[in-house]
Amino acid sequence: MGEHSNSVNNGILLRADIHTLWDLGLIWINEETMLIQIHQSLLNTQYSNLNNKNPQLPSDQTNLPLIDSLKRHRLYCEEISDD
């Protein structure tokens, strides 16, 4: 989105396959619990072990993912699920 959005807490480093699931709205981080959540369609797959797991987060609290961004992504995932 440009130089103004280039900051550590405006991104999450993901493996390529998980990044695809993220983009498809099938995986997200709950902004209240900070736990990984997966879509029900992934529950009986190799990704089921990620459900309700803690992501590896930076020890420096100023580098944590932005709560608003996580919430916006979760809401996007919920919209996809409703379709």
N, C-alpha and C. Protein backbone atom coordinates (compact mmCIF):
# COMPACT_ATOMS: atom_id res chain seq x y z
N MET A 1 0.81 -1.20 0.00
CA MET A 1 0.00 0.00 0.00
C MET A 1 0.86 1.26 0.00
N GLY A 2 2.16 1.10 0.01
CA GLY A 2 3.01 2.26 -0.02
C GLY A 2 3.90 2.36 1.20
N GLU A 3 4.73 3.38 1.18
CA GLU A 3 5.73 3.55 2.23
C GLU A 3 5.11 3.70 3.61
N HIS A 4 3.95 4.34 3.71
CA HIS A 4 3.31 4.55 5.02
C HIS A 4 2.89 3.25 5.71
N SER A 5 2.77 2.17 4.94
CA SER A 5 2.34 0.90 5.54
C SER A 5 3.51 -0.06 5.75
N ASN A 6 4.73 0.38 5.44
CA ASN A 6 5.91 -0.46 5.61
C ASN A 6 6.39 -0.42 7.06
N SER A 7 5.82 -1.28 7.88
CA SER A 7 6.26 -1.38 9.27
C SER A 7 6.12 -2.84 9.70
N VAL A 8 6.94 -3.20 10.67
CA VAL A 8 6.97 -4.58 11.14
C VAL A 8 5.60 -5.06 11.60
N ASN A 9 4.86 -4.21 12.31
CA ASN A 9 3.58 -4.64 12.87
C ASN A 9 2.43 -4.57 11.86
N ASN A 10 2.75 -4.31 10.61
CA ASN A 10 1.73 -4.31 9.57
C ASN A 10 1.92 -5.52 8.65
N GLY A 11 2.54 -6.56 9.18
CA GLY A 11 2.75 -7.76 8.38
C GLY A 11 2.93 -8.98 9.25
N ILE A 12 2.72 -10.13 8.64
CA ILE A 12 2.91 -11.41 9.31
C ILE A 12 3.69 -12.29 8.35
N LEU A 13 4.77 -12.87 8.83
CA LEU A 13 5.58 -13.76 8.01
C LEU A 13 4.92 -15.14 8.00
N LEU A 14 4.53 -15.59 6.82
CA LEU A 14 3.83 -16.87 6.68
C LEU A 14 4.51 -17.74 5.63
N ARG A 15 4.49 -19.04 5.87
CA ARG A 15 4.92 -20.00 4.86
C ARG A 15 4.00 -19.88 3.66
N ALA A 16 4.48 -20.18 2.47
CA ALA A 16 3.73 -19.95 1.23
C ALA A 16 2.34 -20.59 1.25
N ASP A 17 2.22 -21.84 1.68
CA ASP A 17 0.91 -22.50 1.67
C ASP A 17 -0.04 -21.87 2.68
N ILE A 18 0.48 -21.48 3.82
CA ILE A 18 -0.36 -20.84 4.84
C ILE A 18 -0.74 -19.43 4.39
N HIS A 19 0.17 -18.76 3.69
CA HIS A 19 -0.15 -17.44 3.14
C HIS A 19 -1.32 -17.54 2.16
N THR A 20 -1.34 -18.59 1.36
CA THR A 20 -2.46 -18.80 0.43
C THR A 20 -3.75 -18.99 1.20
N LEU A 21 -3.72 -19.80 2.26
CA LEU A 21 -4.92 -20.02 3.09
C LEU A 21 -5.37 -18.70 3.73
N TRP A 22 -4.42 -17.89 4.15
CA TRP A 22 -4.71 -16.57 4.72
C TRP A 22 -5.44 -15.71 3.70
N ASP A 23 -4.88 -15.66 2.49
CA ASP A 23 -5.48 -14.85 1.43
C ASP A 23 -6.87 -15.34 1.04
N LEU A 24 -7.10 -16.64 1.14
CA LEU A 24 -8.40 -17.22 0.82
C LEU A 24 -9.41 -17.08 1.95
N GLY A 25 -8.97 -16.56 3.09
CA GLY A 25 -9.87 -16.38 4.23
C GLY A 25 -10.13 -17.66 5.00
N LEU A 26 -9.20 -18.61 4.92
CA LEU A 26 -9.38 -19.90 5.58
C LEU A 26 -8.59 -20.03 6.88
N ILE A 27 -7.78 -19.02 7.16
CA ILE A 27 -7.01 -19.02 8.39
C ILE A 27 -6.85 -17.57 8.85
N TRP A 28 -6.89 -17.37 10.15
CA TRP A 28 -6.78 -16.02 10.72
C TRP A 28 -6.26 -16.12 12.14
N ILE A 29 -5.93 -14.98 12.70
CA ILE A 29 -5.54 -14.89 14.11
C ILE A 29 -6.63 -14.10 14.81
N ASN A 30 -7.22 -14.71 15.83
CA ASN A 30 -8.25 -14.02 16.60
C ASN A 30 -7.58 -12.89 17.37
N GLU A 31 -8.03 -11.68 17.13
CA GLU A 31 -7.38 -10.51 17.72
C GLU A 31 -7.61 -10.39 19.22
N GLU A 32 -8.58 -11.09 19.77
CA GLU A 32 -8.83 -11.02 21.21
C GLU A 32 -8.01 -12.06 21.97
N THR A 33 -7.91 -13.27 21.43
CA THR A 33 -7.19 -14.34 22.10
C THR A 33 -5.76 -14.51 21.58
N MET A 34 -5.48 -13.93 20.40
CA MET A 34 -4.20 -14.08 19.70
C MET A 34 -3.90 -15.55 19.40
N LEU A 35 -4.96 -16.33 19.15
CA LEU A 35 -4.82 -17.72 18.75
C LEU A 35 -5.12 -17.86 17.26
N ILE A 36 -4.44 -18.80 16.62
CA ILE A 36 -4.71 -19.10 15.22
C ILE A 36 -6.04 -19.83 15.14
N GLN A 37 -6.84 -19.47 14.17
CA GLN A 37 -8.13 -20.12 13.92
C GLN A 37 -8.15 -20.57 12.47
N ILE A 38 -8.80 -21.69 12.22
CA ILE A 38 -8.91 -22.18 10.85
C ILE A 38 -10.38 -22.40 10.50
N HIS A 39 -10.66 -22.30 9.23
CA HIS A 39 -12.00 -22.54 8.72
C HIS A 39 -12.34 -24.01 8.93
N GLN A 40 -13.62 -24.30 9.13
CA GLN A 40 -14.06 -25.67 9.39
C GLN A 40 -13.68 -26.63 8.27
N SER A 41 -13.53 -26.13 7.05
CA SER A 41 -13.16 -27.01 5.94
C SER A 41 -11.74 -27.54 6.07
N LEU A 42 -10.95 -26.96 6.96
CA LEU A 42 -9.58 -27.42 7.17
C LEU A 42 -9.42 -28.32 8.39
N LEU A 43 -10.51 -28.57 9.10
CA LEU A 43 -10.41 -29.31 10.36
C LEU A 43 -9.89 -30.74 10.21
N ASN A 44 -10.16 -31.39 9.11
CA ASN A 44 -9.68 -32.76 8.91
C ASN A 44 -8.56 -32.82 7.88
N THR A 45 -7.69 -31.81 7.92
CA THR A 45 -6.57 -31.74 7.00
C THR A 45 -5.27 -31.61 7.79
N GLN A 46 -4.18 -31.53 7.07
CA GLN A 46 -2.88 -31.37 7.72
C GLN A 46 -2.78 -30.05 8.49
N TYR A 47 -3.70 -29.13 8.24
CA TYR A 47 -3.66 -27.82 8.90
C TYR A 47 -4.44 -27.80 10.22
N SER A 48 -5.12 -28.88 10.55
CA SER A 48 -5.93 -28.90 11.77
C SER A 48 -5.09 -28.68 13.02
N ASN A 49 -3.82 -29.05 12.97
CA ASN A 49 -2.96 -28.88 14.15
C ASN A 49 -2.67 -27.40 14.45
N LEU A 50 -2.99 -26.51 13.52
CA LEU A 50 -2.78 -25.08 13.75
C LEU A 50 -3.92 -24.45 14.55
N ASN A 51 -5.09 -25.08 14.53
CA ASN A 51 -6.26 -24.49 15.17
C ASN A 51 -6.04 -24.30 16.66
N ASN A 52 -6.31 -23.10 17.13
CA ASN A 52 -6.19 -22.73 18.54
C ASN A 52 -4.76 -22.76 19.07
N LYS A 53 -3.79 -22.65 18.18
CA LYS A 53 -2.39 -22.59 18.58
C LYS A 53 -1.96 -21.13 18.71
N ASN A 54 -0.96 -20.91 19.52
CA ASN A 54 -0.36 -19.59 19.64
C ASN A 54 0.62 -19.39 18.50
N PRO A 55 0.49 -18.31 17.77
CA PRO A 55 1.51 -18.02 16.76
C PRO A 55 2.79 -17.56 17.45
N GLN A 56 3.90 -17.71 16.77
CA GLN A 56 5.15 -17.17 17.32
C GLN A 56 5.13 -15.66 17.11
N LEU A 57 5.08 -14.94 18.19
CA LEU A 57 4.98 -13.49 18.15
C LEU A 57 6.29 -12.85 18.58
N PRO A 58 6.55 -11.64 18.11
CA PRO A 58 7.78 -10.94 18.52
C PRO A 58 7.78 -10.67 20.03
N SER A 59 8.96 -10.75 20.63
CA SER A 59 9.06 -10.47 22.06
C SER A 59 8.90 -8.98 22.34
N ASP A 60 9.27 -8.15 21.39
CA ASP A 60 9.11 -6.70 21.53
C ASP A 60 7.64 -6.36 21.23
N GLN A 61 6.92 -5.95 22.23
CA GLN A 61 5.48 -5.67 22.11
C GLN A 61 5.16 -4.62 21.06
N THR A 62 6.10 -3.74 20.76
CA THR A 62 5.85 -2.71 19.76
C THR A 62 5.83 -3.29 18.34
N ASN A 63 6.28 -4.53 18.18
CA ASN A 63 6.31 -5.17 16.87
C ASN A 63 5.16 -6.17 16.67
N LEU A 64 4.25 -6.25 17.63
CA LEU A 64 3.11 -7.16 17.49
C LEU A 64 2.24 -6.74 16.31
N PRO A 65 1.54 -7.70 15.67
CA PRO A 65 0.62 -7.33 14.59
C PRO A 65 -0.44 -6.36 15.10
N LEU A 66 -0.86 -5.46 14.23
CA LEU A 66 -1.89 -4.48 14.59
C LEU A 66 -3.23 -5.17 14.83
N ILE A 67 -3.82 -4.92 15.97
CA ILE A 67 -5.09 -5.53 16.35
C ILE A 67 -6.17 -5.21 15.32
N ASP A 68 -6.23 -3.97 14.87
CA ASP A 68 -7.24 -3.58 13.87
C ASP A 68 -7.08 -4.37 12.58
N SER A 69 -5.86 -4.62 12.17
CA SER A 69 -5.62 -5.39 10.94
C SER A 69 -6.05 -6.84 11.12
N LEU A 70 -5.74 -7.42 12.28
CA LEU A 70 -6.16 -8.80 12.56
C LEU A 70 -7.68 -8.89 12.58
N LYS A 71 -8.33 -7.91 13.20
CA LYS A 71 -9.79 -7.90 13.27
C LYS A 71 -10.39 -7.78 11.88
N ARG A 72 -9.86 -6.89 11.07
CA ARG A 72 -10.35 -6.69 9.71
C ARG A 72 -10.22 -7.99 8.90
N HIS A 73 -9.11 -8.69 9.08
CA HIS A 73 -8.93 -9.96 8.37
C HIS A 73 -9.91 -11.02 8.87
N ARG A 74 -10.11 -11.08 10.20
CA ARG A 74 -11.07 -12.05 10.75
C ARG A 74 -12.47 -11.79 10.22
N LEU A 75 -12.87 -10.55 10.18
CA LEU A 75 -14.20 -10.21 9.65
C LEU A 75 -14.32 -10.58 8.18
N TYR A 76 -13.25 -10.39 7.42
CA TYR A 76 -13.21 -10.83 6.02
C TYR A 76 -13.42 -12.34 5.93
N CYS A 77 -12.74 -13.08 6.81
CA CYS A 77 -12.88 -14.54 6.82
C CYS A 77 -14.30 -14.97 7.16
N GLU A 78 -14.93 -14.28 8.09
CA GLU A 78 -16.30 -14.59 8.47
C GLU A 78 -17.26 -14.32 7.30
N GLU A 79 -17.01 -13.26 6.55
CA GLU A 79 -17.84 -12.98 5.38
C GLU A 79 -17.72 -14.10 4.35
N ILE A 80 -16.51 -14.57 4.12
CA ILE A 80 -16.27 -15.65 3.17
C ILE A 80 -17.02 -16.90 3.62
N SER A 81 -16.99 -17.18 4.92
CA SER A 81 -17.65 -18.37 5.47
C SER A 81 -19.15 -18.34 5.30
N ASP A 82 -19.71 -17.14 5.31
CA ASP A 82 -21.17 -17.01 5.19
C ASP A 82 -21.67 -17.28 3.76
N ASP A 83 -20.77 -17.20 2.80
CA ASP A 83 -21.16 -17.41 1.39
C ASP A 83 -21.43 -18.86 1.09
